């Protein structure tokens, strides 16, 4: 989402405000790349530190947990036939 916003800000700077390539490259581009990368890394490491990925009790990860039916009970030492 933030990288998409960065692309929109870049387009706005070129089209509406007629900023030069020098200005964009030296003044804007570090922020246009840095903010999305820094926020993604910060959020990722925060989720990793708080064990928020695939948590059973309210984790923030939206991806479903891969739990196929043939693996139910494998942690308890049960062996399914078949």
N, C-alpha and C. Protein backbone atom coordinates (compact mmCIF):
# COMPACT_ATOMS: atom_id res chain seq x y z
N UNK A 1 0.82 -1.19 0.00
CA UNK A 1 0.00 0.00 0.00
C UNK A 1 0.87 1.26 0.00
N UNK A 2 1.89 1.27 0.83
CA UNK A 2 2.73 2.46 0.89
C UNK A 2 3.56 2.64 -0.38
N UNK A 3 3.97 1.54 -0.99
CA UNK A 3 4.73 1.67 -2.22
C UNK A 3 3.84 2.20 -3.34
N UNK A 4 2.59 1.81 -3.35
CA UNK A 4 1.64 2.36 -4.32
C UNK A 4 1.47 3.86 -4.10
N UNK A 5 1.40 4.28 -2.86
CA UNK A 5 1.33 5.71 -2.56
C UNK A 5 2.58 6.44 -3.03
N UNK A 6 3.73 5.80 -2.88
CA UNK A 6 4.98 6.41 -3.35
C UNK A 6 4.97 6.60 -4.86
N UNK A 7 4.45 5.62 -5.58
CA UNK A 7 4.36 5.76 -7.03
C UNK A 7 3.41 6.89 -7.42
N UNK A 8 2.32 7.03 -6.68
CA UNK A 8 1.39 8.12 -6.96
C UNK A 8 2.01 9.48 -6.65
N UNK A 9 2.75 9.58 -5.58
CA UNK A 9 3.43 10.83 -5.25
C UNK A 9 4.47 11.16 -6.31
N UNK A 10 5.19 10.16 -6.79
CA UNK A 10 6.17 10.36 -7.85
C UNK A 10 5.48 10.90 -9.11
N UNK A 11 4.37 10.28 -9.50
CA UNK A 11 3.64 10.74 -10.68
C UNK A 11 3.11 12.15 -10.49
N UNK A 12 2.64 12.45 -9.32
CA UNK A 12 2.15 13.79 -9.03
C UNK A 12 3.27 14.83 -9.12
N UNK A 13 4.45 14.48 -8.63
CA UNK A 13 5.58 15.39 -8.69
C UNK A 13 6.01 15.66 -10.13
N UNK A 14 5.95 14.65 -10.97
CA UNK A 14 6.34 14.81 -12.37
C UNK A 14 5.30 15.60 -13.14
N UNK A 15 4.04 15.17 -13.05
CA UNK A 15 3.00 15.74 -13.92
C UNK A 15 2.51 17.09 -13.43
N UNK A 16 2.11 17.19 -12.19
CA UNK A 16 1.48 18.42 -11.71
C UNK A 16 2.49 19.49 -11.31
N UNK A 17 3.52 19.08 -10.57
CA UNK A 17 4.44 20.06 -10.02
C UNK A 17 5.70 20.26 -10.86
N UNK A 18 5.86 19.53 -11.95
CA UNK A 18 6.98 19.68 -12.88
C UNK A 18 8.34 19.68 -12.18
N UNK A 19 8.53 18.76 -11.27
CA UNK A 19 9.82 18.66 -10.57
C UNK A 19 10.87 18.06 -11.51
N UNK A 20 12.09 18.51 -11.37
CA UNK A 20 13.17 18.03 -12.23
C UNK A 20 13.62 16.65 -11.78
N UNK A 21 14.31 15.95 -12.67
CA UNK A 21 14.85 14.64 -12.32
C UNK A 21 15.85 14.74 -11.18
N UNK A 22 16.63 15.80 -11.17
CA UNK A 22 17.61 16.00 -10.10
C UNK A 22 16.91 16.12 -8.75
N UNK A 23 15.84 16.91 -8.69
CA UNK A 23 15.11 17.11 -7.44
C UNK A 23 14.50 15.80 -6.96
N UNK A 24 13.89 15.08 -7.87
CA UNK A 24 13.24 13.81 -7.50
C UNK A 24 14.28 12.80 -7.03
N UNK A 25 15.38 12.69 -7.79
CA UNK A 25 16.40 11.70 -7.46
C UNK A 25 17.06 11.99 -6.12
N UNK A 26 17.34 13.26 -5.83
CA UNK A 26 18.10 13.60 -4.63
C UNK A 26 17.25 13.94 -3.41
N UNK A 27 16.07 14.50 -3.62
CA UNK A 27 15.26 14.96 -2.49
C UNK A 27 14.12 14.00 -2.15
N UNK A 28 13.45 13.47 -3.17
CA UNK A 28 12.25 12.68 -2.92
C UNK A 28 12.48 11.18 -2.90
N UNK A 29 13.33 10.70 -3.79
CA UNK A 29 13.45 9.26 -3.97
C UNK A 29 13.89 8.50 -2.73
N UNK A 30 14.82 9.03 -1.93
CA UNK A 30 15.16 8.28 -0.70
C UNK A 30 13.94 8.05 0.21
N UNK A 31 13.05 9.01 0.28
CA UNK A 31 11.84 8.85 1.11
C UNK A 31 10.82 7.95 0.42
N UNK A 32 10.73 8.06 -0.91
CA UNK A 32 9.76 7.25 -1.63
C UNK A 32 10.09 5.76 -1.56
N UNK A 33 11.37 5.44 -1.42
CA UNK A 33 11.77 4.04 -1.23
C UNK A 33 11.89 3.69 0.25
N UNK A 34 12.42 4.62 1.03
CA UNK A 34 12.73 4.33 2.43
C UNK A 34 11.53 4.12 3.32
N UNK A 35 10.51 4.93 3.16
CA UNK A 35 9.34 4.82 4.04
C UNK A 35 8.63 3.48 3.87
N UNK A 36 8.31 3.03 2.64
CA UNK A 36 7.66 1.72 2.53
C UNK A 36 8.53 0.56 3.01
N UNK A 37 9.82 0.61 2.70
CA UNK A 37 10.71 -0.47 3.12
C UNK A 37 10.86 -0.49 4.64
N UNK A 38 11.06 0.68 5.23
CA UNK A 38 11.23 0.75 6.69
C UNK A 38 9.97 0.32 7.42
N UNK A 39 8.81 0.74 6.93
CA UNK A 39 7.58 0.36 7.62
C UNK A 39 7.30 -1.13 7.47
N UNK A 40 7.61 -1.71 6.32
CA UNK A 40 7.41 -3.16 6.14
C UNK A 40 8.35 -3.95 7.04
N UNK A 41 9.60 -3.54 7.11
CA UNK A 41 10.56 -4.23 7.98
C UNK A 41 10.18 -4.08 9.45
N UNK A 42 9.78 -2.88 9.84
CA UNK A 42 9.39 -2.65 11.24
C UNK A 42 8.18 -3.49 11.61
N UNK A 43 7.17 -3.50 10.76
CA UNK A 43 5.98 -4.30 11.04
C UNK A 43 6.29 -5.79 11.05
N UNK A 44 7.12 -6.23 10.12
CA UNK A 44 7.48 -7.64 10.06
C UNK A 44 8.26 -8.10 11.28
N UNK A 45 9.23 -7.29 11.69
CA UNK A 45 10.01 -7.67 12.87
C UNK A 45 9.18 -7.56 14.15
N UNK A 46 8.26 -6.62 14.21
CA UNK A 46 7.39 -6.51 15.39
C UNK A 46 6.49 -7.74 15.49
N UNK A 47 5.94 -8.18 14.37
CA UNK A 47 5.11 -9.39 14.39
C UNK A 47 5.94 -10.62 14.75
N UNK A 48 7.16 -10.68 14.25
CA UNK A 48 8.03 -11.81 14.55
C UNK A 48 8.42 -11.82 16.03
N UNK A 49 8.70 -10.65 16.59
CA UNK A 49 9.12 -10.57 18.00
C UNK A 49 7.97 -10.92 18.95
N UNK A 50 6.76 -10.58 18.57
CA UNK A 50 5.62 -10.86 19.43
C UNK A 50 4.95 -12.18 19.09
N UNK A 51 5.55 -12.95 18.22
CA UNK A 51 5.04 -14.24 17.76
C UNK A 51 3.61 -14.10 17.24
N UNK A 52 3.39 -13.08 16.42
CA UNK A 52 2.07 -12.80 15.90
C UNK A 52 1.71 -13.58 14.65
N UNK A 53 2.64 -14.24 14.04
CA UNK A 53 2.35 -14.98 12.83
C UNK A 53 1.77 -16.35 13.18
N UNK A 54 0.63 -16.65 12.60
CA UNK A 54 -0.05 -17.94 12.78
C UNK A 54 -0.25 -18.28 14.25
N UNK A 55 -0.53 -17.28 15.02
CA UNK A 55 -0.81 -17.48 16.44
C UNK A 55 -2.22 -18.03 16.61
N UNK A 56 -2.42 -18.87 17.58
CA UNK A 56 -3.75 -19.45 17.81
C UNK A 56 -4.70 -18.44 18.44
N UNK A 57 -4.17 -17.46 19.15
CA UNK A 57 -5.02 -16.53 19.88
C UNK A 57 -4.86 -15.11 19.36
N UNK A 58 -5.46 -14.82 18.23
CA UNK A 58 -5.51 -13.45 17.73
C UNK A 58 -4.27 -12.95 17.03
N UNK A 59 -3.59 -13.79 16.30
CA UNK A 59 -2.44 -13.34 15.53
C UNK A 59 -2.88 -12.42 14.41
N UNK A 60 -1.97 -11.60 13.94
CA UNK A 60 -2.30 -10.63 12.91
C UNK A 60 -2.11 -11.15 11.51
N UNK A 61 -1.69 -12.37 11.35
CA UNK A 61 -1.45 -12.90 10.01
C UNK A 61 -2.77 -13.33 9.40
N UNK A 62 -3.01 -12.91 8.18
CA UNK A 62 -4.27 -13.23 7.53
C UNK A 62 -4.20 -14.50 6.71
N UNK A 63 -3.03 -15.04 6.50
CA UNK A 63 -2.90 -16.27 5.72
C UNK A 63 -3.39 -17.45 6.56
N UNK A 64 -4.11 -18.38 5.95
CA UNK A 64 -4.61 -19.53 6.72
C UNK A 64 -3.47 -20.47 7.11
N UNK A 65 -3.66 -21.13 8.22
CA UNK A 65 -2.68 -22.10 8.70
C UNK A 65 -2.84 -23.38 7.90
N UNK A 66 -1.75 -23.93 7.41
CA UNK A 66 -1.79 -25.18 6.66
C UNK A 66 -1.88 -26.32 7.65
N UNK A 67 -3.03 -26.94 7.74
CA UNK A 67 -3.26 -28.02 8.69
C UNK A 67 -4.07 -29.11 7.99
N UNK A 68 -3.42 -29.94 7.16
CA UNK A 68 -4.16 -30.97 6.43
C UNK A 68 -4.71 -32.03 7.38
N UNK A 69 -5.84 -32.65 7.01
CA UNK A 69 -6.48 -33.61 7.92
C UNK A 69 -5.63 -34.83 8.22
N UNK A 70 -4.74 -35.23 7.32
CA UNK A 70 -3.93 -36.41 7.57
C UNK A 70 -2.86 -36.16 8.63
N UNK A 71 -2.64 -34.91 9.03
CA UNK A 71 -1.62 -34.60 10.03
C UNK A 71 -2.21 -34.38 11.42
N UNK A 72 -3.52 -34.50 11.57
CA UNK A 72 -4.14 -34.31 12.88
C UNK A 72 -3.70 -35.43 13.81
N UNK A 73 -3.18 -35.07 14.97
CA UNK A 73 -2.74 -36.03 15.97
C UNK A 73 -1.29 -36.44 15.83
N UNK A 74 -0.58 -35.96 14.83
CA UNK A 74 0.81 -36.37 14.61
C UNK A 74 1.72 -35.88 15.74
N UNK A 75 1.39 -34.71 16.36
CA UNK A 75 2.20 -34.20 17.46
C UNK A 75 2.04 -35.06 18.71
N UNK A 76 0.90 -35.75 18.83
CA UNK A 76 0.65 -36.60 19.99
C UNK A 76 1.24 -37.99 19.83
N UNK A 77 1.83 -38.29 18.69
CA UNK A 77 2.42 -39.60 18.47
C UNK A 77 1.48 -40.58 17.81
N UNK A 78 0.31 -40.14 17.43
CA UNK A 78 -0.63 -41.04 16.77
C UNK A 78 -0.20 -41.27 15.33
N UNK A 79 -0.36 -42.47 14.88
CA UNK A 79 -0.05 -42.81 13.48
C UNK A 79 -1.33 -43.25 12.82
N UNK A 80 -1.71 -42.58 11.75
CA UNK A 80 -2.93 -42.92 11.04
C UNK A 80 -2.62 -43.95 9.98
N UNK A 81 -3.50 -44.86 9.82
CA UNK A 81 -3.32 -45.89 8.79
C UNK A 81 -3.72 -45.33 7.44
N UNK A 82 -3.05 -45.85 6.41
CA UNK A 82 -3.44 -45.47 5.06
C UNK A 82 -2.45 -44.74 4.35
